Amino acid sequence: MSVSNRVPEGLKGPLGLASLCVMILGLVLGYIFTMIGVTLFFDLNGLQGLSNSESVVVLVTGLVCIVVGYAGWRGFMGFAY
């Protein structure tokens, strides 16, 4: 039995909308953090005083946000139908 079958019908719409919001927010923040992490790692911007390990932390944070966005998409697809 899947999770969407155990959720009451009245909650499927709001859970689908919340999952869609998580997806959009996760992908947007993930893209921003990933691009900033890449530019920090390769010294493509003017910020001084950041080490490579700190830029990798920003990059990994962006990738985690993208994974959360993907989980939101999967949740939306599970609750939308």
Protein backbone atom coordinates (compact mmCIF):
# COMPACT_ATOMS: atom_id res chain seq x y z
CA MET A 1 0.00 0.00 0.00
CA SER A 2 1.50 3.30 -1.04
CA VAL A 3 1.62 6.45 1.02
CA SER A 4 -0.86 8.25 -1.22
CA ASN A 5 -3.45 5.53 -0.53
CA ARG A 6 -3.12 6.02 3.23
CA VAL A 7 -3.59 9.80 3.08
CA PRO A 8 -7.21 11.04 3.32
CA GLU A 9 -8.63 12.50 0.11
CA GLY A 10 -8.98 15.96 1.65
CA LEU A 11 -5.25 16.18 2.33
CA LYS A 12 -3.98 15.08 -1.08
CA GLY A 13 -4.45 18.49 -2.68
CA PRO A 14 -2.64 20.50 0.02
CA LEU A 15 0.15 17.90 0.25
CA GLY A 16 0.59 18.02 -3.51
CA LEU A 17 0.78 21.82 -3.41
CA ALA A 18 3.26 21.74 -0.52
CA SER A 19 5.39 19.22 -2.40
CA LEU A 20 5.32 21.43 -5.47
CA CYS A 21 6.47 24.41 -3.38
CA VAL A 22 9.27 22.31 -1.88
CA MET A 23 10.32 21.33 -5.39
CA ILE A 24 10.43 24.88 -6.71
CA LEU A 25 12.21 26.23 -3.64
CA GLY A 26 14.69 23.35 -3.56
CA LEU A 27 15.59 23.65 -7.23
CA VAL A 28 15.94 27.44 -7.15
CA LEU A 29 18.07 27.48 -4.01
CA GLY A 30 20.02 24.45 -5.21
CA TYR A 31 20.86 26.13 -8.50
CA ILE A 32 21.94 29.32 -6.76
CA PHE A 33 24.11 27.56 -4.16
CA THR A 34 25.62 25.23 -6.75
CA MET A 35 26.60 28.06 -9.08
CA ILE A 36 28.01 30.13 -6.21
CA GLY A 37 29.95 27.08 -4.96
CA VAL A 38 31.44 26.46 -8.41
CA THR A 39 32.45 30.09 -8.84
CA LEU A 40 33.97 30.15 -5.35
CA PHE A 41 35.89 26.93 -5.96
CA PHE A 42 37.45 28.17 -9.20
CA ASP A 43 37.97 31.76 -7.91
CA LEU A 44 35.71 33.23 -10.61
CA ASN A 45 34.29 35.97 -8.38
CA GLY A 46 35.85 38.70 -6.33
CA LEU A 47 35.32 37.23 -2.86
CA GLN A 48 38.54 36.90 -0.88
CA GLY A 49 39.25 34.84 2.20
CA LEU A 50 37.27 31.71 1.37
CA SER A 51 39.09 28.41 1.25
CA ASN A 52 38.37 25.58 -1.14
CA SER A 53 36.81 23.53 1.65
CA GLU A 54 34.30 26.30 2.39
CA SER A 55 33.41 26.55 -1.29
CA VAL A 56 32.88 22.78 -1.40
CA VAL A 57 30.49 23.12 1.55
CA VAL A 58 28.48 25.68 -0.44
CA LEU A 59 28.53 23.40 -3.48
CA VAL A 60 27.38 20.35 -1.49
CA THR A 61 24.63 22.43 0.11
CA GLY A 62 23.40 23.30 -3.37
CA LEU A 63 23.42 19.67 -4.42
CA VAL A 64 21.48 18.69 -1.28
CA CYS A 65 18.90 21.37 -2.09
CA ILE A 66 18.54 19.93 -5.59
CA VAL A 67 17.97 16.46 -4.12
CA VAL A 68 15.32 17.91 -1.79
CA GLY A 69 13.72 19.57 -4.82
CA TYR A 70 13.65 16.22 -6.61
CA ALA A 71 12.03 14.64 -3.56
CA GLY A 72 9.42 17.40 -3.68
CA TRP A 73 8.76 16.57 -7.33
CA ARG A 74 8.34 12.90 -6.49
CA GLY A 75 5.97 13.85 -3.66
CA PHE A 76 3.97 16.04 -6.01
CA MET A 77 3.67 13.26 -8.54
CA GLY A 78 2.58 10.87 -5.80
CA PHE A 79 -0.12 13.14 -4.38
CA ALA A 80 -1.31 14.86 -7.54
CA TYR A 81 -3.05 11.82 -8.95
